[in-house]
């Protein structure tokens, strides 16, 4: 059992979550979402899928704090199985329990848990824990900075309002597009995603089979999973680019979501990403979406933000990523496109 300082206030207790705690954690996360972005963006089914993910063990990777009256007052998760050099610590404390030191306790627990990733990291490689907050969440920012974390990156949610049919795509010569076929295309789609994202900040290669298992699980347990909304841009039989979409995300049932948009190196600078994006807008609009959103690194190394603005999208939210070095060494994550 990890010994954590600072200690909890009298009457508060912490332990690993049990399956019966899922409703309480769901309500806690929903309360945090509502306070930070105006509405909940979590579903009970997706949370249950997350707890059953092959790269997550709730007993070892999470903690819940309970208030003296038995209510869930704080929650932390550590994700480090596939990206052990950058373990991610996700913390949730509802407004009613801010200012009681719970966030500091959860962050300290998360840091100690994150250090267990050292055993899975190549010798000599740098390990840095990361955590993210909604921009403007001052209590969370102070807690992270007091614990020695520094701001390293901004991420954006961008959206487009589709009040009329969107502009049609203009495909580069030789490119065709089709939806994915379930049970046939998954491995090739994941490989195309890995090839596309190898030039993104922070990217680090993970074992393909482990990646495939967790990636498929996450998609298959997401609300409204529909592989016909996975759009593959093809040069013959070769996947040149992908747009993997969802019909909605929880809390935004009228907003389609572009979860992954990527173009492999040989096909960049030809207008393919814009064509895939506009094709996604078009199909989602036909299915009833009147708004489409996506997430993007604000300093994306391949110029994605400018592309999305060109497509008519605007910034709706900003999220900030903080980092703390836990072990010095050679940084094996992607930092530039050179």
C-alpha atoms as a PDB file:
ATOM      1  CA  UNK A   1       0.000   0.000   0.000  1.00  0.00           C
ATOM      2  CA  UNK A   2       1.340   3.424  -0.951  1.00  0.00           C
ATOM      3  CA  UNK A   3       2.077   5.792   1.942  1.00  0.00           C
ATOM      4  CA  UNK A   4       0.959   9.243   0.868  1.00  0.00           C
ATOM      5  CA  UNK A   5       1.789  12.688   2.165  1.00  0.00           C
ATOM      6  CA  UNK A   6      -0.042  14.972   2.732  1.00  0.00           C
ATOM      7  CA  UNK A   7      -2.426  12.833   4.732  1.00  0.00           C
ATOM      8  CA  UNK A   8      -6.206  13.081   4.401  1.00  0.00           C
ATOM      9  CA  UNK A   9      -8.227  15.171   6.810  1.00  0.00           C
ATOM     10  CA  UNK A  10      -9.890  13.352   9.685  1.00  0.00           C
ATOM     11  CA  UNK A  11     -12.940  11.410   8.616  1.00  0.00           C
ATOM     12  CA  UNK A  12     -11.887  11.065   4.967  1.00  0.00           C
ATOM     13  CA  UNK A  13     -10.713   7.656   3.750  1.00  0.00           C
ATOM     14  CA  UNK A  14      -9.197   6.362   0.517  1.00  0.00           C
ATOM     15  CA  UNK A  15      -9.133   2.941  -1.094  1.00  0.00           C
ATOM     16  CA  UNK A  16      -9.065   1.209  -4.460  1.00  0.00           C
ATOM     17  CA  UNK A  17     -12.406   1.164  -6.292  1.00  0.00           C
ATOM     18  CA  UNK A  18     -14.602  -1.898  -6.333  1.00  0.00           C
ATOM     19  CA  UNK A  19     -17.126  -2.774  -9.072  1.00  0.00           C
ATOM     20  CA  UNK A  20     -19.961  -1.591  -6.840  1.00  0.00           C
ATOM     21  CA  UNK A  21     -18.406   1.907  -6.731  1.00  0.00           C
ATOM     22  CA  UNK A  22     -18.924   2.623 -10.409  1.00  0.00           C
ATOM     23  CA  UNK A  23     -22.172   4.580  -9.990  1.00  0.00           C
ATOM     24  CA  UNK A  24     -20.590   6.806  -7.338  1.00  0.00           C
ATOM     25  CA  UNK A  25     -17.534   7.478  -9.527  1.00  0.00           C
ATOM     26  CA  UNK A  26     -19.772   8.166 -12.531  1.00  0.00           C
ATOM     27  CA  UNK A  27     -21.722  10.776 -10.568  1.00  0.00           C
ATOM     28  CA  UNK A  28     -18.491  12.310  -9.245  1.00  0.00           C
ATOM     29  CA  UNK A  29     -16.972  12.697 -12.725  1.00  0.00           C
ATOM     30  CA  UNK A  30     -20.274  14.057 -14.059  1.00  0.00           C
ATOM     31  CA  UNK A  31     -20.283  16.706 -11.326  1.00  0.00           C
ATOM     32  CA  UNK A  32     -16.731  17.728 -12.254  1.00  0.00           C
ATOM     33  CA  UNK A  33     -17.641  17.963 -15.955  1.00  0.00           C
ATOM     34  CA  UNK A  34     -20.702  20.061 -15.211  1.00  0.00           C
ATOM     35  CA  UNK A  35     -18.678  22.506 -13.114  1.00  0.00           C
ATOM     36  CA  UNK A  36     -15.814  22.824 -15.591  1.00  0.00           C
ATOM     37  CA  UNK A  37     -17.472  22.762 -19.032  1.00  0.00           C
ATOM     38  CA  UNK A  38     -21.163  23.200 -18.281  1.00  0.00           C
ATOM     39  CA  UNK A  39     -22.415  19.642 -18.749  1.00  0.00           C
ATOM     40  CA  UNK A  40     -21.473  16.048 -18.153  1.00  0.00           C
ATOM     41  CA  UNK A  41     -19.538  14.243 -20.895  1.00  0.00           C
ATOM     42  CA  UNK A  42     -19.342  10.825 -19.285  1.00  0.00           C
ATOM     43  CA  UNK A  43     -21.641   7.836 -19.677  1.00  0.00           C
ATOM     44  CA  UNK A  44     -21.945   4.957 -17.260  1.00  0.00           C
ATOM     45  CA  UNK A  45     -21.420   2.413 -20.026  1.00  0.00           C
ATOM     46  CA  UNK A  46     -18.200   4.068 -21.222  1.00  0.00           C
ATOM     47  CA  UNK A  47     -16.880   4.281 -17.663  1.00  0.00           C
ATOM     48  CA  UNK A  48     -17.650   0.599 -17.187  1.00  0.00           C
ATOM     49  CA  UNK A  49     -15.805  -0.152 -20.420  1.00  0.00           C
ATOM     50  CA  UNK A  50     -12.832   1.866 -19.197  1.00  0.00           C
ATOM     51  CA  UNK A  51     -12.689  -0.091 -15.947  1.00  0.00           C
ATOM     52  CA  UNK A  52     -12.649  -3.308 -17.983  1.00  0.00           C
ATOM     53  CA  UNK A  53      -9.986  -2.105 -20.426  1.00  0.00           C
ATOM     54  CA  UNK A  54      -7.026  -4.461 -20.956  1.00  0.00           C
ATOM     55  CA  UNK A  55      -4.556  -1.675 -20.076  1.00  0.00           C
ATOM     56  CA  UNK A  56      -6.283  -0.647 -16.834  1.00  0.00           C
ATOM     57  CA  UNK A  57      -6.664  -2.365 -13.467  1.00  0.00           C
ATOM     58  CA  UNK A  58      -8.902  -0.348 -11.165  1.00  0.00           C
ATOM     59  CA  UNK A  59      -7.584  -2.124  -8.077  1.00  0.00           C
ATOM     60  CA  UNK A  60      -4.009  -1.099  -8.848  1.00  0.00           C
ATOM     61  CA  UNK A  61      -4.423   2.020 -10.985  1.00  0.00           C
ATOM     62  CA  UNK A  62      -7.077   4.079  -9.171  1.00  0.00           C
ATOM     63  CA  UNK A  63      -8.148   5.422  -5.798  1.00  0.00           C
ATOM     64  CA  UNK A  64     -11.393   6.861  -4.441  1.00  0.00           C
ATOM     65  CA  UNK A  65     -11.661   9.226  -1.493  1.00  0.00           C
ATOM     66  CA  UNK A  66     -14.789   9.008   0.614  1.00  0.00           C
ATOM     67  CA  UNK A  67     -16.107  11.840   2.770  1.00  0.00           C
ATOM     68  CA  UNK A  68     -17.153  11.229   6.402  1.00  0.00           C
ATOM     69  CA  UNK A  69     -20.766  10.791   5.240  1.00  0.00           C
ATOM     70  CA  UNK A  70     -19.730   8.022   2.823  1.00  0.00           C
ATOM     71  CA  UNK A  71     -20.033  10.043  -0.375  1.00  0.00           C
ATOM     72  CA  UNK A  72     -17.349   9.834  -3.070  1.00  0.00           C
ATOM     73  CA  UNK A  73     -15.316  13.038  -2.763  1.00  0.00           C
ATOM     74  CA  UNK A  74     -12.359  12.461  -5.098  1.00  0.00           C
ATOM     75  CA  UNK A  75     -11.009  10.029  -7.661  1.00  0.00           C
ATOM     76  CA  UNK A  76      -7.696   9.450  -9.458  1.00  0.00           C
ATOM     77  CA  UNK A  77      -6.630   7.153 -12.309  1.00  0.00           C
ATOM     78  CA  UNK A  78      -3.132   6.395 -13.593  1.00  0.00           C
ATOM     79  CA  UNK A  79      -2.672   5.237 -17.188  1.00  0.00           C
ATOM     80  CA  UNK A  80       0.824   3.903 -17.843  1.00  0.00           C
ATOM     81  CA  UNK A  81       0.626   0.517 -19.532  1.00  0.00           C
ATOM     82  CA  UNK A  82       1.057   1.578 -23.178  1.00  0.00           C
ATOM     83  CA  UNK A  83       2.933   4.850 -22.651  1.00  0.00           C
ATOM     84  CA  UNK A  84       5.106   4.050 -19.689  1.00  0.00           C
ATOM     85  CA  UNK A  85       7.527   6.929 -20.329  1.00  0.00           C
ATOM     86  CA  UNK A  86       4.665   9.426 -19.872  1.00  0.00           C
ATOM     87  CA  UNK A  87       2.256   7.986 -17.285  1.00  0.00           C
ATOM     88  CA  UNK A  88      -0.948  10.034 -17.215  1.00  0.00           C
ATOM     89  CA  UNK A  89      -2.586  10.972 -13.920  1.00  0.00           C
ATOM     90  CA  UNK A  90      -6.257  12.001 -14.165  1.00  0.00           C
ATOM     91  CA  UNK A  91      -7.792  13.651 -11.085  1.00  0.00           C
ATOM     92  CA  UNK A  92     -11.421  14.486 -10.274  1.00  0.00           C
ATOM     93  CA  UNK A  93     -12.584  16.517  -7.275  1.00  0.00           C
ATOM     94  CA  UNK A  94     -16.123  17.997  -7.336  1.00  0.00           C
ATOM     95  CA  UNK A  95     -16.536  21.665  -6.329  1.00  0.00           C
ATOM     96  CA  UNK A  96     -18.146  20.712  -3.006  1.00  0.00           C
ATOM     97  CA  UNK A  97     -14.869  19.127  -1.868  1.00  0.00           C
ATOM     98  CA  UNK A  98     -12.324  21.614  -3.216  1.00  0.00           C
ATOM     99  CA  UNK A  99     -10.062  23.314  -0.695  1.00  0.00           C
ATOM    100  CA  UNK A 100      -9.806  20.287   1.617  1.00  0.00           C
ATOM    101  CA  UNK A 101      -6.474  18.972   0.350  1.00  0.00           C
ATOM    102  CA  UNK A 102      -8.071  16.058  -1.490  1.00  0.00           C
ATOM    103  CA  UNK A 103      -6.633  17.054  -4.846  1.00  0.00           C
ATOM    104  CA  UNK A 104      -3.116  17.221  -3.355  1.00  0.00           C
ATOM    105  CA  UNK A 105      -3.533  13.783  -1.800  1.00  0.00           C
ATOM    106  CA  UNK A 106      -4.747  12.254  -5.077  1.00  0.00           C
ATOM    107  CA  UNK A 107      -1.908  13.846  -7.024  1.00  0.00           C
ATOM    108  CA  UNK A 108       0.656  12.532  -4.537  1.00  0.00           C
ATOM    109  CA  UNK A 109      -0.876   9.057  -4.781  1.00  0.00           C
ATOM    110  CA  UNK A 110      -0.838   9.304  -8.558  1.00  0.00           C
ATOM    111  CA  UNK A 111       2.821  10.298  -8.609  1.00  0.00           C
ATOM    112  CA  UNK A 112       3.849   7.369  -6.424  1.00  0.00           C
ATOM    113  CA  UNK A 113       1.804   5.012  -8.559  1.00  0.00           C
ATOM    114  CA  UNK A 114       3.304   6.512 -11.748  1.00  0.00           C
ATOM    115  CA  UNK A 115       6.822   5.708 -10.514  1.00  0.00           C
ATOM    116  CA  UNK A 116       5.975   2.026 -10.863  1.00  0.00           C
ATOM    117  CA  UNK A 117       6.247   2.581 -14.630  1.00  0.00           C
ATOM    118  CA  UNK A 118      10.051   2.674 -14.285  1.00  0.00           C
ATOM    119  CA  UNK A 119      10.127  -1.120 -14.434  1.00  0.00           C
ATOM    120  CA  UNK A 120       8.561  -1.083 -17.928  1.00  0.00           C
ATOM    121  CA  UNK A 121      10.745   1.666 -19.407  1.00  0.00           C
ATOM    122  CA  UNK A 122      14.027   1.113 -21.296  1.00  0.00           C
ATOM    123  CA  UNK A 123      17.111   1.806 -19.220  1.00  0.00           C
ATOM    124  CA  UNK A 124      18.264   5.376 -19.646  1.00  0.00           C
ATOM    125  CA  UNK A 125      14.907   6.676 -20.899  1.00  0.00           C
ATOM    126  CA  UNK A 126      13.341   9.762 -19.334  1.00  0.00           C
ATOM    127  CA  UNK A 127      10.042   9.271 -17.467  1.00  0.00           C
ATOM    128  CA  UNK A 128       7.692  12.211 -16.944  1.00  0.00           C
ATOM    129  CA  UNK A 129       4.199  12.071 -15.468  1.00  0.00           C
ATOM    130  CA  UNK A 130       1.520  14.194 -17.094  1.00  0.00           C
ATOM    131  CA  UNK A 131      -1.826  15.522 -15.977  1.00  0.00           C
ATOM    132  CA  UNK A 132      -4.387  17.750 -17.633  1.00  0.00           C
ATOM    133  CA  UNK A 133      -6.930  20.356 -16.563  1.00  0.00           C
ATOM    134  CA  UNK A 134      -9.585  22.502 -18.151  1.00  0.00           C
ATOM    135  CA  UNK A 135      -8.112  25.930 -18.800  1.00  0.00           C
ATOM    136  CA  UNK A 136      -9.186  28.316 -16.041  1.00  0.00           C
ATOM    137  CA  UNK A 137      -9.545  25.674 -13.299  1.00  0.00           C
ATOM    138  CA  UNK A 138      -7.480  27.559 -10.729  1.00  0.00           C
ATOM    139  CA  UNK A 139      -7.677  25.031  -7.888  1.00  0.00           C
ATOM    140  CA  UNK A 140      -6.358  22.298 -10.166  1.00  0.00           C
ATOM    141  CA  UNK A 141      -3.641  24.546 -11.579  1.00  0.00           C
ATOM    142  CA  UNK A 142      -2.367  25.506  -8.123  1.00  0.00           C
ATOM    143  CA  UNK A 143      -2.314  21.897  -6.990  1.00  0.00           C
ATOM    144  CA  UNK A 144      -0.284  20.796 -10.019  1.00  0.00           C
ATOM    145  CA  UNK A 145       2.191  23.657  -9.749  1.00  0.00           C
ATOM    146  CA  UNK A 146       2.610  23.188  -5.989  1.00  0.00           C
ATOM    147  CA  UNK A 147       3.496  19.541  -6.700  1.00  0.00           C
ATOM    148  CA  UNK A 148       6.201  20.561  -9.158  1.00  0.00           C
ATOM    149  CA  UNK A 149       4.391  20.120 -12.455  1.00  0.00           C
ATOM    150  CA  UNK A 150       4.888  22.670 -15.235  1.00  0.00           C
ATOM    151  CA  UNK A 151       2.658  23.654 -18.146  1.00  0.00           C
ATOM    152  CA  UNK A 152       3.966  22.039 -21.336  1.00  0.00           C
ATOM    153  CA  UNK A 153       1.117  22.025 -23.862  1.00  0.00           C
ATOM    154  CA  UNK A 154      -2.334  23.316 -24.724  1.00  0.00           C
ATOM    155  CA  UNK A 155      -4.985  21.183 -26.374  1.00  0.00           C
ATOM    156  CA  UNK A 156      -8.110  22.530 -28.021  1.00  0.00           C
ATOM    157  CA  UNK A 157     -11.636  21.426 -28.710  1.00  0.00           C
ATOM    158  CA  UNK A 158     -12.668  22.830 -32.064  1.00  0.00           C
ATOM    159  CA  UNK A 159     -16.188  22.744 -33.473  1.00  0.00           C
ATOM    160  CA  UNK A 160     -18.086  23.711 -36.598  1.00  0.00           C
ATOM    161  CA  UNK A 161     -21.760  24.644 -36.690  1.00  0.00           C
ATOM    162  CA  UNK A 162     -23.511  23.007 -39.630  1.00  0.00           C
ATOM    163  CA  UNK A 163     -26.487  25.275 -40.235  1.00  0.00           C
ATOM    164  CA  UNK A 164     -26.510  24.232 -43.887  1.00  0.00           C
ATOM    165  CA  UNK A 165     -25.009  21.354 -45.892  1.00  0.00           C
ATOM    166  CA  UNK A 166     -21.197  21.530 -45.663  1.00  0.00           C
ATOM    167  CA  UNK A 167     -18.920  22.041 -48.652  1.00  0.00           C
ATOM    168  CA  UNK A 168     -18.218  18.786 -50.522  1.00  0.00           C
ATOM    169  CA  UNK A 169     -14.716  17.263 -50.406  1.00  0.00           C
ATOM    170  CA  UNK A 170     -12.232  17.615 -53.250  1.00  0.00           C
ATOM    171  CA  UNK A 171     -10.225  14.390 -53.378  1.00  0.00           C
ATOM    172  CA  UNK A 172      -6.615  14.304 -54.614  1.00  0.00           C
ATOM    173  CA  UNK A 173      -6.096  12.429 -57.869  1.00  0.00           C
ATOM    174  CA  UNK A 174      -6.105   8.672 -57.462  1.00  0.00           C
ATOM    175  CA  UNK A 175      -7.767   8.679 -54.022  1.00  0.00           C
ATOM    176  CA  UNK A 176     -11.022   6.888 -53.264  1.00  0.00           C
ATOM    177  CA  UNK A 177     -12.911   6.686 -49.964  1.00  0.00           C
ATOM    178  CA  UNK A 178     -15.006   4.018 -48.271  1.00  0.00           C
ATOM    179  CA  UNK A 179     -16.233   3.039 -44.841  1.00  0.00           C
ATOM    180  CA  UNK A 180     -14.420   0.401 -42.810  1.00  0.00           C
ATOM    181  CA  UNK A 181     -15.566  -3.204 -42.829  1.00  0.00           C
ATOM    182  CA  UNK A 182     -15.860  -4.620 -39.328  1.00  0.00           C
ATOM    183  CA  UNK A 183     -13.768  -7.737 -38.827  1.00  0.00           C
ATOM    184  CA  UNK A 184     -11.630  -6.943 -41.870  1.00  0.00           C
ATOM    185  CA  UNK A 185     -10.015  -3.508 -41.624  1.00  0.00           C
ATOM    186  CA  UNK A 186      -9.155  -2.997 -37.949  1.00  0.00           C
ATOM    187  CA  UNK A 187      -5.484  -3.964 -38.067  1.00  0.00           C
ATOM    188  CA  UNK A 188      -4.795  -1.908 -41.192  1.00  0.00           C
ATOM    189  CA  UNK A 189      -6.669   1.084 -39.748  1.00  0.00           C
ATOM    190  CA  UNK A 190      -4.654   1.000 -36.539  1.00  0.00           C
ATOM    191  CA  UNK A 191      -1.410   0.737 -38.491  1.00  0.00           C
ATOM    192  CA  UNK A 192      -2.454   3.760 -40.573  1.00  0.00           C
ATOM    193  CA  UNK A 193      -3.248   5.627 -37.373  1.00  0.00           C
ATOM    194  CA  UNK A 194       0.167   4.801 -35.920  1.00  0.00           C
ATOM    195  CA  UNK A 195       1.856   5.844 -39.170  1.00  0.00           C
ATOM    196  CA  UNK A 196      -0.111   9.112 -39.206  1.00  0.00           C
ATOM    197  CA  UNK A 197       0.531  10.020 -35.590  1.00  0.00           C
ATOM    198  CA  UNK A 198       4.239   9.201 -35.450  1.00  0.00           C
ATOM    199  CA  UNK A 199       4.916  12.901 -36.083  1.00  0.00           C
ATOM    200  CA  UNK A 200       2.681  14.160 -33.287  1.00  0.00           C
ATOM    201  CA  UNK A 201       4.143  15.671 -30.127  1.00  0.00           C
ATOM    202  CA  UNK A 202       4.700  13.096 -27.403  1.00  0.00           C
ATOM    203  CA  UNK A 203       4.280  10.065 -29.670  1.00  0.00           C
ATOM    204  CA  UNK A 204       6.112   6.942 -28.594  1.00  0.00           C
ATOM    205  CA  UNK A 205       5.839   3.538 -30.221  1.00  0.00           C
ATOM    206  CA  UNK A 206       4.008   0.812 -28.289  1.00  0.00           C
ATOM    207  CA  UNK A 207       3.764  -2.928 -29.013  1.00  0.00           C
ATOM    208  CA  UNK A 208       1.257  -3.342 -31.835  1.00  0.00           C
ATOM    209  CA  UNK A 209      -0.742  -6.252 -30.416  1.00  0.00           C
ATOM    210  CA  UNK A 210      -1.171  -4.591 -27.007  1.00  0.00           C
ATOM    211  CA  UNK A 211      -2.111  -1.351 -28.724  1.00  0.00           C
ATOM    212  CA  UNK A 212      -4.652  -3.176 -30.910  1.00  0.00           C
ATOM    213  CA  UNK A 213      -6.295  -4.888 -27.959  1.00  0.00           C
ATOM    214  CA  UNK A 214      -6.783  -1.700 -25.921  1.00  0.00           C
ATOM    215  CA  UNK A 215      -7.694   0.423 -28.983  1.00  0.00           C
ATOM    216  CA  UNK A 216     -10.410  -1.982 -30.118  1.00  0.00           C
ATOM    217  CA  UNK A 217     -11.781  -2.283 -26.593  1.00  0.00           C
ATOM    218  CA  UNK A 218     -12.029   1.497 -26.252  1.00  0.00           C
ATOM    219  CA  UNK A 219     -13.852   1.867 -29.548  1.00  0.00           C
ATOM    220  CA  UNK A 220     -16.192  -1.069 -29.003  1.00  0.00           C
ATOM    221  CA  UNK A 221     -17.259   0.193 -25.571  1.00  0.00           C
ATOM    222  CA  UNK A 222     -17.791   3.805 -26.695  1.00  0.00           C
ATOM    223  CA  UNK A 223     -21.339   5.143 -26.987  1.00  0.00           C
ATOM    224  CA  UNK A 224     -22.779   4.810 -30.485  1.00  0.00           C
ATOM    225  CA  UNK A 225     -19.831   2.894 -31.941  1.00  0.00           C
ATOM    226  CA  UNK A 226     -20.444   2.621 -35.681  1.00  0.00           C
ATOM    227  CA  UNK A 227     -17.586   1.419 -37.946  1.00  0.00           C
ATOM    228  CA  UNK A 228     -19.451   2.781 -40.986  1.00  0.00           C
ATOM    229  CA  UNK A 229     -18.291   6.179 -39.658  1.00  0.00           C
ATOM    230  CA  UNK A 230     -14.663   5.098 -40.059  1.00  0.00           C
ATOM    231  CA  UNK A 231     -13.669   6.656 -43.393  1.00  0.00           C
ATOM    232  CA  UNK A 232     -10.648   5.243 -45.221  1.00  0.00           C
ATOM    233  CA  UNK A 233      -8.941   7.225 -47.980  1.00  0.00           C
ATOM    234  CA  UNK A 234      -7.334   4.710 -50.331  1.00  0.00           C
ATOM    235  CA  UNK A 235      -4.646   4.802 -52.984  1.00  0.00           C
ATOM    236  CA  UNK A 236      -5.476   1.474 -54.581  1.00  0.00           C
ATOM    237  CA  UNK A 237      -5.504  -0.907 -51.629  1.00  0.00           C
ATOM    238  CA  UNK A 238      -3.215   1.251 -49.517  1.00  0.00           C
ATOM    239  CA  UNK A 239      -4.663   3.401 -46.745  1.00  0.00           C
ATOM    240  CA  UNK A 240      -3.445   6.955 -47.258  1.00  0.00           C
ATOM    241  CA  UNK A 241      -5.530   8.584 -44.545  1.00  0.00           C
ATOM    242  CA  UNK A 242      -8.289   7.937 -42.034  1.00  0.00           C
ATOM    243  CA  UNK A 243     -11.109   9.783 -40.310  1.00  0.00           C
ATOM    244  CA  UNK A 244     -12.582   7.771 -37.449  1.00  0.00           C
ATOM    245  CA  UNK A 245     -15.820   9.367 -36.277  1.00  0.00           C
ATOM    246  CA  UNK A 246     -18.505   8.910 -33.665  1.00  0.00           C
ATOM    247  CA  UNK A 247     -22.159   9.910 -34.134  1.00  0.00           C
ATOM    248  CA  UNK A 248     -21.988  11.834 -30.842  1.00  0.00           C
ATOM    249  CA  UNK A 249     -20.237  12.029 -27.503  1.00  0.00           C
ATOM    250  CA  UNK A 250     -22.113  11.829 -24.188  1.00  0.00           C
ATOM    251  CA  UNK A 251     -23.786  15.100 -23.340  1.00  0.00           C
ATOM    252  CA  UNK A 252     -23.699  16.285 -26.961  1.00  0.00           C
ATOM    253  CA  UNK A 253     -26.129  14.021 -28.797  1.00  0.00           C
ATOM    254  CA  UNK A 254     -26.481  16.492 -31.701  1.00  0.00           C
ATOM    255  CA  UNK A 255     -22.719  16.880 -32.158  1.00  0.00           C
ATOM    256  CA  UNK A 256     -20.808  14.402 -34.291  1.00  0.00           C
ATOM    257  CA  UNK A 257     -17.225  13.756 -33.292  1.00  0.00           C
ATOM    258  CA  UNK A 258     -14.062  13.262 -35.363  1.00  0.00           C
ATOM    259  CA  UNK A 259     -12.091  11.146 -32.924  1.00  0.00           C
ATOM    260  CA  UNK A 260      -9.066  10.524 -35.165  1.00  0.00           C
ATOM    261  CA  UNK A 261      -7.996  12.280 -38.352  1.00  0.00           C
ATOM    262  CA  UNK A 262      -4.671  11.286 -39.853  1.00  0.00           C
ATOM    263  CA  UNK A 263      -2.753  11.216 -43.135  1.00  0.00           C
ATOM    264  CA  UNK A 264       0.369   9.111 -43.595  1.00  0.00           C
ATOM    265  CA  UNK A 265       3.638  10.811 -44.558  1.00  0.00           C
ATOM    266  CA  UNK A 266       3.653  10.062 -48.332  1.00  0.00           C
ATOM    267  CA  UNK A 267       0.214  11.668 -48.824  1.00  0.00           C
ATOM    268  CA  UNK A 268       0.564  14.931 -46.919  1.00  0.00           C
ATOM    269  CA  UNK A 269       0.427  18.410 -48.497  1.00  0.00           C
ATOM    270  CA  UNK A 270      -2.066  17.232 -51.125  1.00  0.00           C
ATOM    271  CA  UNK A 271      -5.342  18.333 -49.550  1.00  0.00           C
ATOM    272  CA  UNK A 272      -6.252  14.871 -48.301  1.00  0.00           C
ATOM    273  CA  UNK A 273      -6.796  15.826 -44.662  1.00  0.00           C
ATOM    274  CA  UNK A 274      -9.180  18.632 -45.658  1.00  0.00           C
ATOM    275  CA  UNK A 275     -11.041  16.286 -47.995  1.00  0.00           C
ATOM    276  CA  UNK A 276     -11.416  13.666 -45.256  1.00  0.00           C
ATOM    277  CA  UNK A 277     -12.603  16.295 -42.811  1.00  0.00           C
ATOM    278  CA  UNK A 278     -15.206  17.670 -45.224  1.00  0.00           C
ATOM    279  CA  UNK A 279     -16.348  14.148 -46.096  1.00  0.00           C
ATOM    280  CA  UNK A 280     -16.817  13.498 -42.372  1.00  0.00           C
ATOM    281  CA  UNK A 281     -18.808  16.729 -41.979  1.00  0.00           C
ATOM    282  CA  UNK A 282     -20.974  15.761 -44.936  1.00  0.00           C
ATOM    283  CA  UNK A 283     -21.840  12.261 -43.706  1.00  0.00           C
ATOM    284  CA  UNK A 284     -22.408  13.367 -40.113  1.00  0.00           C
ATOM    285  CA  UNK A 285     -24.658  16.195 -41.345  1.00  0.00           C
ATOM    286  CA  UNK A 286     -26.668  13.698 -43.412  1.00  0.00           C
ATOM    287  CA  UNK A 287     -27.106  11.634 -40.245  1.00  0.00           C
ATOM    288  CA  UNK A 288     -28.474  14.575 -38.302  1.00  0.00           C
ATOM    289  CA  UNK A 289     -25.453  16.264 -36.738  1.00  0.00           C
ATOM    290  CA  UNK A 290     -25.704  20.052 -36.697  1.00  0.00           C
ATOM    291  CA  UNK A 291     -22.354  20.488 -35.043  1.00  0.00           C
ATOM    292  CA  UNK A 292     -19.109  18.504 -35.336  1.00  0.00           C
ATOM    293  CA  UNK A 293     -16.189  18.626 -32.926  1.00  0.00           C
ATOM    294  CA  UNK A 294     -12.696  17.253 -32.484  1.00  0.00           C
ATOM    295  CA  UNK A 295      -9.669  17.608 -30.232  1.00  0.00           C
ATOM    296  CA  UNK A 296      -6.263  18.865 -31.358  1.00  0.00           C
ATOM    297  CA  UNK A 297      -2.855  19.817 -30.008  1.00  0.00           C
ATOM    298  CA  UNK A 298      -2.744  23.628 -30.132  1.00  0.00           C
ATOM    299  CA  UNK A 299       0.898  23.457 -31.297  1.00  0.00           C
ATOM    300  CA  UNK A 300       0.369  20.477 -33.584  1.00  0.00           C
ATOM    301  CA  UNK A 301       3.596  19.696 -35.423  1.00  0.00           C
ATOM    302  CA  UNK A 302       1.857  19.122 -38.770  1.00  0.00           C
ATOM    303  CA  UNK A 303      -0.275  22.289 -38.862  1.00  0.00           C
ATOM    304  CA  UNK A 304      -3.650  20.779 -38.010  1.00  0.00           C
ATOM    305  CA  UNK A 305      -5.081  23.838 -36.237  1.00  0.00           C
ATOM    306  CA  UNK A 306      -4.712  26.001 -39.363  1.00  0.00           C
ATOM    307  CA  UNK A 307      -6.333  23.230 -41.413  1.00  0.00           C
ATOM    308  CA  UNK A 308      -9.332  23.017 -39.093  1.00  0.00           C
ATOM    309  CA  UNK A 309      -9.795  26.787 -39.154  1.00  0.00           C
ATOM    310  CA  UNK A 310      -9.685  26.663 -42.947  1.00  0.00           C
ATOM    311  CA  UNK A 311     -12.484  24.086 -42.800  1.00  0.00           C
ATOM    312  CA  UNK A 312     -14.616  26.523 -40.788  1.00  0.00           C
ATOM    313  CA  UNK A 313     -13.986  25.260 -37.263  1.00  0.00           C
ATOM    314  CA  UNK A 314     -13.482  27.488 -34.231  1.00  0.00           C
ATOM    315  CA  UNK A 315     -12.024  26.976 -30.760  1.00  0.00           C
ATOM    316  CA  UNK A 316     -14.611  26.068 -28.132  1.00  0.00           C
ATOM    317  CA  UNK A 317     -12.505  24.892 -25.184  1.00  0.00           C
ATOM    318  CA  UNK A 318      -8.872  24.746 -24.101  1.00  0.00           C
ATOM    319  CA  UNK A 319      -7.248  22.075 -21.967  1.00  0.00           C
ATOM    320  CA  UNK A 320      -3.788  22.392 -20.441  1.00  0.00           C
ATOM    321  CA  UNK A 321      -1.256  19.596 -19.998  1.00  0.00           C
ATOM    322  CA  UNK A 322       1.282  19.693 -17.169  1.00  0.00           C
ATOM    323  CA  UNK A 323       4.375  17.554 -16.708  1.00  0.00           C
ATOM    324  CA  UNK A 324       6.849  16.558 -14.006  1.00  0.00           C
ATOM    325  CA  UNK A 325      10.037  14.645 -14.629  1.00  0.00           C
ATOM    326  CA  UNK A 326      10.181  11.566 -12.434  1.00  0.00           C
ATOM    327  CA  UNK A 327      13.392  10.126 -13.837  1.00  0.00           C
ATOM    328  CA  UNK A 328      15.938  11.955 -16.000  1.00  0.00           C
ATOM    329  CA  UNK A 329      17.213  10.358 -19.158  1.00  0.00           C
ATOM    330  CA  UNK A 330      16.898  10.366 -22.927  1.00  0.00           C
ATOM    331  CA  UNK A 331      13.494  11.612 -24.106  1.00  0.00           C
ATOM    332  CA  UNK A 332      12.213   8.981 -26.536  1.00  0.00           C
ATOM    333  CA  UNK A 333       8.936  10.785 -27.254  1.00  0.00           C
ATOM    334  CA  UNK A 334       8.390  12.773 -30.451  1.00  0.00           C
ATOM    335  CA  UNK A 335       9.239  16.443 -29.988  1.00  0.00           C
ATOM    336  CA  UNK A 336       9.613  17.648 -33.593  1.00  0.00           C
ATOM    337  CA  UNK A 337       9.013  16.475 -37.168  1.00  0.00           C
ATOM    338  CA  UNK A 338      12.695  16.575 -38.094  1.00  0.00           C
END
